[in-house]
PDB file of N, CA and C in Angstrom:
ATOM      1  N   PHE A   1      -3.753 -29.909  -1.316  1.00  0.00           N
ATOM      2  CA  PHE A   1      -4.898 -28.420  -2.029  1.00  0.00           C
ATOM      3  C   PHE A   1      -4.037 -27.437  -0.248  1.00  0.00           C
ATOM      4  N   PHE A   2      -3.729 -28.439   0.792  1.00  0.00           N
ATOM      5  CA  PHE A   2      -3.304 -27.427   1.257  1.00  0.00           C
ATOM      6  C   PHE A   2      -1.538 -26.486   0.587  1.00  0.00           C
ATOM      7  N   LYS A   3      -1.595 -27.091  -0.089  1.00  0.00           N
ATOM      8  CA  LYS A   3      -0.177 -26.085  -0.389  1.00  0.00           C
ATOM      9  C   LYS A   3      -0.237 -25.207  -1.430  1.00  0.00           C
ATOM     10  N   LYS A   4      -1.343 -25.887  -2.280  1.00  0.00           N
ATOM     11  CA  LYS A   4      -2.103 -24.744  -2.911  1.00  0.00           C
ATOM     12  C   LYS A   4      -2.115 -23.330  -2.602  1.00  0.00           C
ATOM     13  N   CYS A   5      -3.404 -24.047  -1.140  1.00  0.00           N
ATOM     14  CA  CYS A   5      -3.527 -22.425  -0.574  1.00  0.00           C
ATOM     15  C   CYS A   5      -2.823 -22.214   0.867  1.00  0.00           C
ATOM     16  N   LEU A   6      -1.474 -22.912   1.049  1.00  0.00           N
ATOM     17  CA  LEU A   6      -1.407 -21.930   2.298  1.00  0.00           C
ATOM     18  C   LEU A   6       0.158 -21.196   1.338  1.00  0.00           C
ATOM     19  N   PHE A   7       0.500 -21.683   0.286  1.00  0.00           N
ATOM     20  CA  PHE A   7       1.469 -21.312  -1.127  1.00  0.00           C
ATOM     21  C   PHE A   7       1.208 -20.766  -1.757  1.00  0.00           C
ATOM     22  N   PRO A   8       0.544 -19.780  -2.174  1.00  0.00           N
ATOM     23  CA  PRO A   8      -0.627 -19.360  -3.379  1.00  0.00           C
ATOM     24  C   PRO A   8       0.775 -18.626  -4.948  1.00  0.00           C
ATOM     25  N   GLN A   9       1.547 -17.715  -3.932  1.00  0.00           N
ATOM     26  CA  GLN A   9       2.649 -18.060  -4.658  1.00  0.00           C
ATOM     27  C   GLN A   9       3.812 -18.288  -4.693  1.00  0.00           C
ATOM     28  N   ASP A  10       4.823 -17.924  -5.751  1.00  0.00           N
ATOM     29  CA  ASP A  10       6.352 -18.011  -5.501  1.00  0.00           C
ATOM     30  C   ASP A  10       6.725 -16.526  -5.759  1.00  0.00           C
ATOM     31  N   TYR A  11       8.537 -16.404  -5.585  1.00  0.00           N
ATOM     32  CA  TYR A  11       8.754 -15.413  -4.797  1.00  0.00           C
ATOM     33  C   TYR A  11       8.053 -15.218  -6.712  1.00  0.00           C
ATOM     34  N   LYS A  12       9.306 -15.516  -8.167  1.00  0.00           N
ATOM     35  CA  LYS A  12       8.694 -15.212  -8.631  1.00  0.00           C
ATOM     36  C   LYS A  12       7.503 -14.143  -9.175  1.00  0.00           C
ATOM     37  N   GLY A  13       6.509 -15.216  -8.881  1.00  0.00           N
ATOM     38  CA  GLY A  13       5.152 -14.986  -8.924  1.00  0.00           C
ATOM     39  C   GLY A  13       5.034 -13.797  -8.116  1.00  0.00           C
ATOM     40  N   GLN A  14       5.739 -13.490  -6.842  1.00  0.00           N
ATOM     41  CA  GLN A  14       5.153 -12.365  -6.446  1.00  0.00           C
ATOM     42  C   GLN A  14       5.656 -10.843  -7.169  1.00  0.00           C
ATOM     43  N   LYS A  15       6.604 -11.146  -7.229  1.00  0.00           N
ATOM     44  CA  LYS A  15       8.233 -10.343  -8.489  1.00  0.00           C
ATOM     45  C   LYS A  15       7.011  -9.915  -9.750  1.00  0.00           C
ATOM     46  N   LEU A  16       6.112 -10.164 -10.367  1.00  0.00           N
ATOM     47  CA  LEU A  16       5.527 -10.409 -10.910  1.00  0.00           C
ATOM     48  C   LEU A  16       4.010  -9.650 -10.888  1.00  0.00           C
ATOM     49  N   ALA A  17       3.786 -10.072  -9.736  1.00  0.00           N
ATOM     50  CA  ALA A  17       1.828  -9.538  -9.167  1.00  0.00           C
ATOM     51  C   ALA A  17       2.265  -8.368  -8.217  1.00  0.00           C
ATOM     52  N   GLU A  18       3.373  -7.212  -8.101  1.00  0.00           N
ATOM     53  CA  GLU A  18       3.411  -6.531  -7.594  1.00  0.00           C
ATOM     54  C   GLU A  18       3.724  -5.375  -8.878  1.00  0.00           C
ATOM     55  N   GLN A  19       4.797  -6.217 -10.358  1.00  0.00           N
ATOM     56  CA  GLN A  19       4.582  -5.191 -11.247  1.00  0.00           C
ATOM     57  C   GLN A  19       3.236  -4.734 -11.674  1.00  0.00           C
ATOM     58  N   ILE A  20       2.166  -5.965 -12.089  1.00  0.00           N
ATOM     59  CA  ILE A  20       1.371  -5.438 -13.293  1.00  0.00           C
ATOM     60  C   ILE A  20       0.905  -4.450 -11.671  1.00  0.00           C
ATOM     61  N   PHE A  21       0.457  -4.763 -10.186  1.00  0.00           N
ATOM     62  CA  PHE A  21      -0.809  -4.149  -9.553  1.00  0.00           C
ATOM     63  C   PHE A  21       0.363  -2.300 -10.019  1.00  0.00           C
ATOM     64  N   GLN A  22       1.614  -2.534  -9.402  1.00  0.00           N
ATOM     65  CA  GLN A  22       2.000  -1.013 -10.133  1.00  0.00           C
ATOM     66  C   GLN A  22       1.758  -0.690 -11.211  1.00  0.00           C
ATOM     67  N   GLY A  23       2.300  -1.106 -12.801  1.00  0.00           N
ATOM     68  CA  GLY A  23       1.903  -0.455 -13.447  1.00  0.00           C
ATOM     69  C   GLY A  23       0.692   0.046 -13.589  1.00  0.00           C
ATOM     70  N   ILE A  24      -0.648  -1.186 -13.675  1.00  0.00           N
ATOM     71  CA  ILE A  24      -2.381  -1.223 -13.702  1.00  0.00           C
ATOM     72  C   ILE A  24      -2.368   0.064 -13.055  1.00  0.00           C
ATOM     73  N   ILE A  25      -2.481   0.355 -12.092  1.00  0.00           N
ATOM     74  CA  ILE A  25      -2.409   2.320 -10.787  1.00  0.00           C
ATOM     75  C   ILE A  25      -1.744   2.957 -12.127  1.00  0.00           C
ATOM     76  N   LEU A  26      -1.014   2.941 -12.200  1.00  0.00           N
ATOM     77  CA  LEU A  26       0.509   4.201 -12.384  1.00  0.00           C
ATOM     78  C   LEU A  26      -0.566   5.009 -13.639  1.00  0.00           C
ATOM     79  N   VAL A  27      -1.199   4.141 -15.109  1.00  0.00           N
ATOM     80  CA  VAL A  27      -1.005   4.075 -16.346  1.00  0.00           C
ATOM     81  C   VAL A  27      -2.888   3.961 -15.737  1.00  0.00           C
ATOM     82  N   SER A  28      -3.546   4.036 -15.069  1.00  0.00           N
ATOM     83  CA  SER A  28      -4.993   4.683 -14.771  1.00  0.00           C
ATOM     84  C   SER A  28      -4.877   5.279 -14.093  1.00  0.00           C
ATOM     85  N   ALA A  29      -3.972   6.137 -13.667  1.00  0.00           N
ATOM     86  CA  ALA A  29      -4.104   7.492 -12.512  1.00  0.00           C
ATOM     87  C   ALA A  29      -3.457   8.236 -13.636  1.00  0.00           C
ATOM     88  N   VAL A  30      -2.662   8.545 -14.786  1.00  0.00           N
ATOM     89  CA  VAL A  30      -1.985   8.907 -16.028  1.00  0.00           C
ATOM     90  C   VAL A  30      -4.157   9.287 -16.110  1.00  0.00           C
ATOM     91  N   ILE A  31      -4.201   7.837 -16.586  1.00  0.00           N
ATOM     92  CA  ILE A  31      -5.993   8.153 -17.866  1.00  0.00           C
ATOM     93  C   ILE A  31      -7.086   9.536 -17.093  1.00  0.00           C
ATOM     94  N   GLY A  32      -6.342   8.950 -15.647  1.00  0.00           N
ATOM     95  CA  GLY A  32      -7.768   9.662 -14.984  1.00  0.00           C
ATOM     96  C   GLY A  32      -6.910  11.082 -14.770  1.00  0.00           C
ATOM     97  N   PHE A  33      -6.410  10.930 -14.900  1.00  0.00           N
ATOM     98  CA  PHE A  33      -5.334  12.715 -14.136  1.00  0.00           C
ATOM     99  C   PHE A  33      -5.459  13.772 -15.761  1.00  0.00           C
ATOM    100  N   ILE A  34      -5.501  13.115 -16.653  1.00  0.00           N
ATOM    101  CA  ILE A  34      -5.575  13.814 -18.670  1.00  0.00           C
ATOM    102  C   ILE A  34      -7.402  13.771 -18.632  1.00  0.00           C
ATOM    103  N   TYR A  35      -7.703  12.761 -18.132  1.00  0.00           N
ATOM    104  CA  TYR A  35      -9.722  12.832 -18.567  1.00  0.00           C
ATOM    105  C   TYR A  35      -9.928  13.848 -17.924  1.00  0.00           C
ATOM    106  N   GLY A  36      -9.629  13.418 -16.388  1.00  0.00           N
ATOM    107  CA  GLY A  36     -10.231  14.513 -15.671  1.00  0.00           C
ATOM    108  C   GLY A  36     -10.390  15.921 -15.749  1.00  0.00           C
ATOM    109  N   TYR A  37      -9.024  16.298 -16.439  1.00  0.00           N
ATOM    110  CA  TYR A  37      -7.691  17.605 -17.132  1.00  0.00           C
ATOM    111  C   TYR A  37      -8.932  18.628 -17.681  1.00  0.00           C
ATOM    112  N   ILE A  38      -8.874  17.201 -19.052  1.00  0.00           N
ATOM    113  CA  ILE A  38     -10.222  18.219 -19.445  1.00  0.00           C
ATOM    114  C   ILE A  38     -10.880  18.105 -20.244  1.00  0.00           C
ATOM    115  N   THR A  39     -11.690  17.182 -19.100  1.00  0.00           N
ATOM    116  CA  THR A  39     -13.453  17.374 -18.093  1.00  0.00           C
ATOM    117  C   THR A  39     -13.508  18.153 -17.993  1.00  0.00           C
ATOM    118  N   GLU A  40     -12.943  18.545 -17.059  1.00  0.00           N
ATOM    119  CA  GLU A  40     -12.238  19.121 -16.026  1.00  0.00           C
ATOM    120  C   GLU A  40     -13.330  18.918 -14.503  1.00  0.00           C
ATOM    121  N   GLN A  41     -12.953  17.280 -14.226  1.00  0.00           N
ATOM    122  CA  GLN A  41     -13.957  17.379 -13.134  1.00  0.00           C
ATOM    123  C   GLN A  41     -13.702  15.971 -12.657  1.00  0.00           C
ATOM    124  N   PHE A  42     -13.238  16.979 -11.465  1.00  0.00           N
ATOM    125  CA  PHE A  42     -12.213  15.814 -10.742  1.00  0.00           C
ATOM    126  C   PHE A  42     -12.636  14.360 -10.232  1.00  0.00           C
ATOM    127  N   GLY A  43     -13.990  13.829 -10.889  1.00  0.00           N
ATOM    128  CA  GLY A  43     -14.917  13.249 -10.372  1.00  0.00           C
ATOM    129  C   GLY A  43     -13.983  12.006 -11.000  1.00  0.00           C
ATOM    130  N   TRP A  44     -14.505  12.135 -12.433  1.00  0.00           N
ATOM    131  CA  TRP A  44     -13.720  11.340 -13.191  1.00  0.00           C
ATOM    132  C   TRP A  44     -12.136  10.531 -13.005  1.00  0.00           C
ATOM    133  N   THR A  45     -11.389  11.611 -12.850  1.00  0.00           N
ATOM    134  CA  THR A  45     -10.118  11.232 -11.806  1.00  0.00           C
ATOM    135  C   THR A  45     -10.088  10.240 -10.513  1.00  0.00           C
ATOM    136  N   VAL A  46     -10.974  10.152  -9.482  1.00  0.00           N
ATOM    137  CA  VAL A  46     -10.714   9.893  -9.184  1.00  0.00           C
ATOM    138  C   VAL A  46     -11.727   7.885  -8.934  1.00  0.00           C
ATOM    139  N   TYR A  47     -12.487   8.141 -10.823  1.00  0.00           N
ATOM    140  CA  TYR A  47     -13.221   6.794 -11.441  1.00  0.00           C
ATOM    141  C   TYR A  47     -12.565   6.327 -11.953  1.00  0.00           C
ATOM    142  N   ILE A  48     -12.029   6.315 -12.190  1.00  0.00           N
ATOM    143  CA  ILE A  48     -10.760   6.191 -14.053  1.00  0.00           C
ATOM    144  C   ILE A  48      -9.877   5.601 -12.089  1.00  0.00           C
ATOM    145  N   VAL A  49      -9.487   5.923 -11.450  1.00  0.00           N
ATOM    146  CA  VAL A  49      -8.620   5.547 -10.312  1.00  0.00           C
ATOM    147  C   VAL A  49      -8.923   4.670  -9.582  1.00  0.00           C
ATOM    148  N   MET A  50     -10.216   4.594  -8.939  1.00  0.00           N
ATOM    149  CA  MET A  50     -10.651   3.086  -8.532  1.00  0.00           C
ATOM    150  C   MET A  50     -11.178   1.753  -9.961  1.00  0.00           C
ATOM    151  N   ALA A  51     -10.700   2.188 -10.977  1.00  0.00           N
ATOM    152  CA  ALA A  51     -12.222   0.989 -11.562  1.00  0.00           C
ATOM    153  C   ALA A  51     -10.103  -0.042 -11.817  1.00  0.00           C
ATOM    154  N   GLY A  52      -9.378   1.266 -11.758  1.00  0.00           N
ATOM    155  CA  GLY A  52      -7.685   0.775 -12.352  1.00  0.00           C
ATOM    156  C   GLY A  52      -6.834  -0.070 -10.559  1.00  0.00           C
ATOM    157  N   PHE A  53      -7.813   0.231  -9.517  1.00  0.00           N
ATOM    158  CA  PHE A  53      -7.108  -0.772  -8.512  1.00  0.00           C
ATOM    159  C   PHE A  53      -8.201  -1.622  -8.062  1.00  0.00           C
ATOM    160  N   ALA A  54      -9.617  -1.995  -8.155  1.00  0.00           N
ATOM    161  CA  ALA A  54     -10.541  -2.747  -9.059  1.00  0.00           C
ATOM    162  C   ALA A  54      -9.972  -3.853  -9.535  1.00  0.00           C
ATOM    163  N   LEU A  55      -9.229  -2.593 -10.924  1.00  0.00           N
ATOM    164  CA  LEU A  55      -8.647  -4.865 -11.564  1.00  0.00           C
ATOM    165  C   LEU A  55      -7.659  -5.508 -11.651  1.00  0.00           C
ATOM    166  N   SER A  56      -6.510  -3.974 -10.688  1.00  0.00           N
ATOM    167  CA  SER A  56      -5.654  -5.302 -10.045  1.00  0.00           C
ATOM    168  C   SER A  56      -5.268  -5.687  -9.287  1.00  0.00           C
ATOM    169  N   CYS A  57      -6.943  -5.156  -9.055  1.00  0.00           N
ATOM    170  CA  CYS A  57      -7.184  -6.480  -7.408  1.00  0.00           C
ATOM    171  C   CYS A  57      -7.704  -7.802  -7.942  1.00  0.00           C
ATOM    172  N   LEU A  58      -8.079  -7.686  -9.360  1.00  0.00           N
ATOM    173  CA  LEU A  58      -9.069  -9.084  -9.632  1.00  0.00           C
ATOM    174  C   LEU A  58      -8.063  -9.748 -10.064  1.00  0.00           C
ATOM    175  N   LEU A  59      -6.334  -9.140 -10.703  1.00  0.00           N
ATOM    176  CA  LEU A  59      -5.192 -10.081 -11.900  1.00  0.00           C
ATOM    177  C   LEU A  59      -4.244 -10.680 -10.411  1.00  0.00           C
ATOM    178  N   THR A  60      -4.230  -9.331  -9.910  1.00  0.00           N
ATOM    179  CA  THR A  60      -3.231  -9.734  -8.607  1.00  0.00           C
ATOM    180  C   THR A  60      -3.279 -10.655  -7.090  1.00  0.00           C
ATOM    181  N   LEU A  61      -4.890 -10.713  -6.410  1.00  0.00           N
ATOM    182  CA  LEU A  61      -5.090 -11.039  -5.513  1.00  0.00           C
ATOM    183  C   LEU A  61      -5.711 -13.239  -5.196  1.00  0.00           C
ATOM    184  N   PRO A  62      -6.353 -12.937  -6.655  1.00  0.00           N
ATOM    185  CA  PRO A  62      -6.402 -14.431  -6.637  1.00  0.00           C
ATOM    186  C   PRO A  62      -5.037 -15.283  -7.188  1.00  0.00           C
ATOM    187  N   PRO A  63      -4.369 -16.369  -6.674  1.00  0.00           N
ATOM    188  CA  PRO A  63      -3.333 -17.255  -6.419  1.00  0.00           C
ATOM    189  C   PRO A  63      -3.733 -17.746  -8.109  1.00  0.00           C
ATOM    190  N   TRP A  64      -3.552 -17.184  -9.538  1.00  0.00           N
ATOM    191  CA  TRP A  64      -3.608 -17.989 -11.302  1.00  0.00           C
ATOM    192  C   TRP A  64      -2.637 -18.595 -10.805  1.00  0.00           C
ATOM    193  N   PRO A  65      -2.412 -18.781 -11.794  1.00  0.00           N
ATOM    194  CA  PRO A  65      -1.591 -20.366 -12.862  1.00  0.00           C
ATOM    195  C   PRO A  65       0.009 -19.089 -12.317  1.00  0.00           C
ATOM    196  N   MET A  66      -0.812 -17.918 -13.394  1.00  0.00           N
ATOM    197  CA  MET A  66       1.516 -17.490 -13.817  1.00  0.00           C
ATOM    198  C   MET A  66       1.165 -17.254 -12.457  1.00  0.00           C
ATOM    199  N   TYR A  67       1.295 -16.570 -10.964  1.00  0.00           N
ATOM    200  CA  TYR A  67       2.430 -16.748 -10.511  1.00  0.00           C
ATOM    201  C   TYR A  67       2.688 -17.971  -9.460  1.00  0.00           C
ATOM    202  N   ARG A  68       2.020 -18.549 -10.484  1.00  0.00           N
ATOM    203  CA  ARG A  68       2.967 -20.258  -9.574  1.00  0.00           C
ATOM    204  C   ARG A  68       3.787 -20.958 -10.572  1.00  0.00           C
ATOM    205  N   ARG A  69       4.385 -20.612 -11.375  1.00  0.00           N
ATOM    206  CA  ARG A  69       5.015 -21.114 -12.434  1.00  0.00           C
ATOM    207  C   ARG A  69       6.547 -21.263 -12.061  1.00  0.00           C
ATOM    208  N   ASN A  70       6.796 -21.206 -10.910  1.00  0.00           N
ATOM    209  CA  ASN A  70       8.772 -21.293 -10.547  1.00  0.00           C
ATOM    210  C   ASN A  70       8.577 -21.632  -8.702  1.00  0.00           C
ATOM    211  N   PRO A  71       7.944 -22.867  -8.405  1.00  0.00           N
ATOM    212  CA  PRO A  71       7.490 -23.241  -7.070  1.00  0.00           C
ATOM    213  C   PRO A  71       8.967 -22.949  -6.735  1.00  0.00           C
ATOM    214  N   LEU A  72       8.906 -23.080  -5.473  1.00  0.00           N
ATOM    215  CA  LEU A  72      10.200 -23.715  -4.381  1.00  0.00           C
ATOM    216  C   LEU A  72      10.558 -24.823  -4.058  1.00  0.00           C
ATOM    217  N   LYS A  73      11.525 -25.799  -3.866  1.00  0.00           N
ATOM    218  CA  LYS A  73      12.194 -27.100  -3.918  1.00  0.00           C
ATOM    219  C   LYS A  73      12.653 -27.424  -2.390  1.00  0.00           C
ATOM    220  N   TRP A  74      11.763 -27.601  -2.076  1.00  0.00           N
ATOM    221  CA  TRP A  74      12.113 -27.855   0.397  1.00  0.00           C
ATOM    222  C   TRP A  74      12.554 -29.215  -0.370  1.00  0.00           C
ATOM    223  N   LEU A  75      13.891 -29.121   1.379  1.00  0.00           N
ATOM    224  CA  LEU A  75      14.776 -30.328   1.056  1.00  0.00           C
ATOM    225  C   LEU A  75      13.408 -32.393   1.193  1.00  0.00           C
ATOM    226  N   PRO A  76      14.007 -33.073   1.220  1.00  0.00           N
ATOM    227  CA  PRO A  76      13.424 -33.859   1.584  1.00  0.00           C
ATOM    228  C   PRO A  76      13.468 -34.396   2.568  1.00  0.00           C
ATOM    229  N   VAL A  77      12.171 -34.390   3.862  1.00  0.00           N
ATOM    230  CA  VAL A  77      12.589 -34.856   4.748  1.00  0.00           C
ATOM    231  C   VAL A  77      13.133 -35.394   5.198  1.00  0.00           C
ATOM    232  N   GLN A  78      13.639 -35.418   6.657  1.00  0.00           N
ATOM    233  CA  GLN A  78      15.183 -36.514   6.709  1.00  0.00           C
ATOM    234  C   GLN A  78      14.135 -36.687   8.252  1.00  0.00           C
ATOM    235  N   GLU A  79      13.936 -38.619   8.672  1.00  0.00           N
ATOM    236  CA  GLU A  79      13.501 -39.488   9.680  1.00  0.00           C
ATOM    237  C   GLU A  79      14.899 -39.593  10.659  1.00  0.00           C
ATOM    238  N   SER A  80      14.785 -38.594  11.323  1.00  0.00           N
ATOM    239  CA  SER A  80      15.315 -38.804  12.477  1.00  0.00           C
ATOM    240  C   SER A  80      15.114 -39.842  13.716  1.00  0.00           C
ATOM    241  N   GLY A  81      15.838 -39.555  14.533  1.00  0.00           N
ATOM    242  CA  GLY A  81      16.274 -41.492  14.988  1.00  0.00           C
ATOM    243  C   GLY A  81      16.055 -41.802  16.202  1.00  0.00           C
ATOM    244  N   SER A  82      16.040 -42.905  16.715  1.00  0.00           N
ATOM    245  CA  SER A  82      15.485 -43.231  17.992  1.00  0.00           C
ATOM    246  C   SER A  82      16.167 -41.878  19.446  1.00  0.00           C
ATOM    247  N   ASP A  83      15.218 -42.173  20.077  1.00  0.00           N
ATOM    248  CA  ASP A  83      15.087 -41.050  21.667  1.00  0.00           C
ATOM    249  C   ASP A  83      16.513 -41.679  22.182  1.00  0.00           C
ATOM    250  N   GLU A  84      17.556 -43.092  22.499  1.00  0.00           N
ATOM    251  CA  GLU A  84      17.851 -43.459  23.196  1.00  0.00           C
ATOM    252  C   GLU A  84      19.521 -43.010  22.012  1.00  0.00           C
ATOM    253  N   LYS A  85      19.354 -42.785  20.642  1.00  0.00           N
ATOM    254  CA  LYS A  85      20.955 -42.568  19.709  1.00  0.00           C
ATOM    255  C   LYS A  85      20.623 -41.057  20.615  1.00  0.00           C
ATOM    256  N   LYS A  86      20.315 -40.410  20.251  1.00  0.00           N
ATOM    257  CA  LYS A  86      20.101 -39.488  20.150  1.00  0.00           C
ATOM    258  C   LYS A  86      20.793 -38.550  22.241  1.00  0.00           C
ATOM    259  N   ALA A  87      20.316 -39.118  22.714  1.00  0.00           N
ATOM    260  CA  ALA A  87      21.309 -38.999  23.771  1.00  0.00           C
ATOM    261  C   ALA A  87      22.387 -39.896  24.688  1.00  0.00           C
ATOM    262  N   ALA A  88      22.457 -40.742  23.553  1.00  0.00           N
ATOM    263  CA  ALA A  88      24.065 -41.421  23.581  1.00  0.00           C
ATOM    264  C   ALA A  88      24.994 -40.710  22.388  1.00  0.00           C
ATOM    265  N   ASP A  89      24.089 -39.665  21.870  1.00  0.00           N
ATOM    266  CA  ASP A  89      25.424 -38.940  21.175  1.00  0.00           C
ATOM    267  C   ASP A  89      25.612 -37.558  22.157  1.00  0.00           C
ATOM    268  N   ARG A  90      24.962 -36.805  22.791  1.00  0.00           N
ATOM    269  CA  ARG A  90      25.019 -35.983  23.689  1.00  0.00           C
ATOM    270  C   ARG A  90      26.443 -36.477  25.186  1.00  0.00           C
ATOM    271  N   LYS A  91      27.156 -34.901  25.035  1.00  0.00           N
ATOM    272  CA  LYS A  91      27.999 -35.073  25.426  1.00  0.00           C
ATOM    273  C   LYS A  91      27.544 -34.388  27.143  1.00  0.00           C
ATOM    274  N   PRO A  92      28.392 -34.722  27.890  1.00  0.00           N
ATOM    275  CA  PRO A  92      27.864 -34.147  29.134  1.00  0.00           C
ATOM    276  C   PRO A  92      28.121 -33.003  29.289  1.00  0.00           C
ATOM    277  N   LYS A  93      27.275 -32.079  30.390  1.00  0.00           N
ATOM    278  CA  LYS A  93      27.744 -31.174  30.522  1.00  0.00           C
ATOM    279  C   LYS A  93      28.765 -31.145  31.810  1.00  0.00           C
ATOM    280  N   ARG A  94      30.074 -29.567  30.935  1.00  0.00           N
ATOM    281  CA  ARG A  94      30.325 -30.176  32.880  1.00  0.00           C
ATOM    282  C   ARG A  94      30.347 -28.469  33.676  1.00  0.00           C
ATOM    283  N   HIS A  95      30.175 -28.901  34.896  1.00  0.00           N
ATOM    284  CA  HIS A  95      30.002 -27.739  34.868  1.00  0.00           C
ATOM    285  C   HIS A  95      31.260 -26.903  35.345  1.00  0.00           C
ATOM    286  N   SER A  96      31.584 -25.462  35.294  1.00  0.00           N
ATOM    287  CA  SER A  96      32.665 -25.175  36.065  1.00  0.00           C
ATOM    288  C   SER A  96      32.304 -24.457  37.334  1.00  0.00           C
ATOM    289  N   LYS A  97      33.512 -24.635  38.027  1.00  0.00           N
ATOM    290  CA  LYS A  97      33.664 -24.507  40.129  1.00  0.00           C
ATOM    291  C   LYS A  97      33.976 -23.327  39.429  1.00  0.00           C
ATOM    292  N   ASN A  98      33.672 -22.235  40.214  1.00  0.00           N
ATOM    293  CA  ASN A  98      34.069 -20.369  40.591  1.00  0.00           C
ATOM    294  C   ASN A  98      34.101 -20.230  41.353  1.00  0.00           C
TER     295      ASN A  98
END
């Protein structure tokens, strides 16, 4: 459960979400501009761009399964040795006499 919450998207999923977001915003801006120009109402341009923004947020913000197709492969957890072994492996520090 926590893995899905902490890592909702992998790197390729993030790239896909960004491309979808930018594409929807661009298309809605072009459509909004053309429709607003034809109707001579700037308000329609703003409404269409805002609708595109809402649609892109709905499609890209939730962690949909299409954004989690390439999960990261983490290294397995390595068990550390005892503290005594670590202390024996350390080299004693030598202080220089200056």
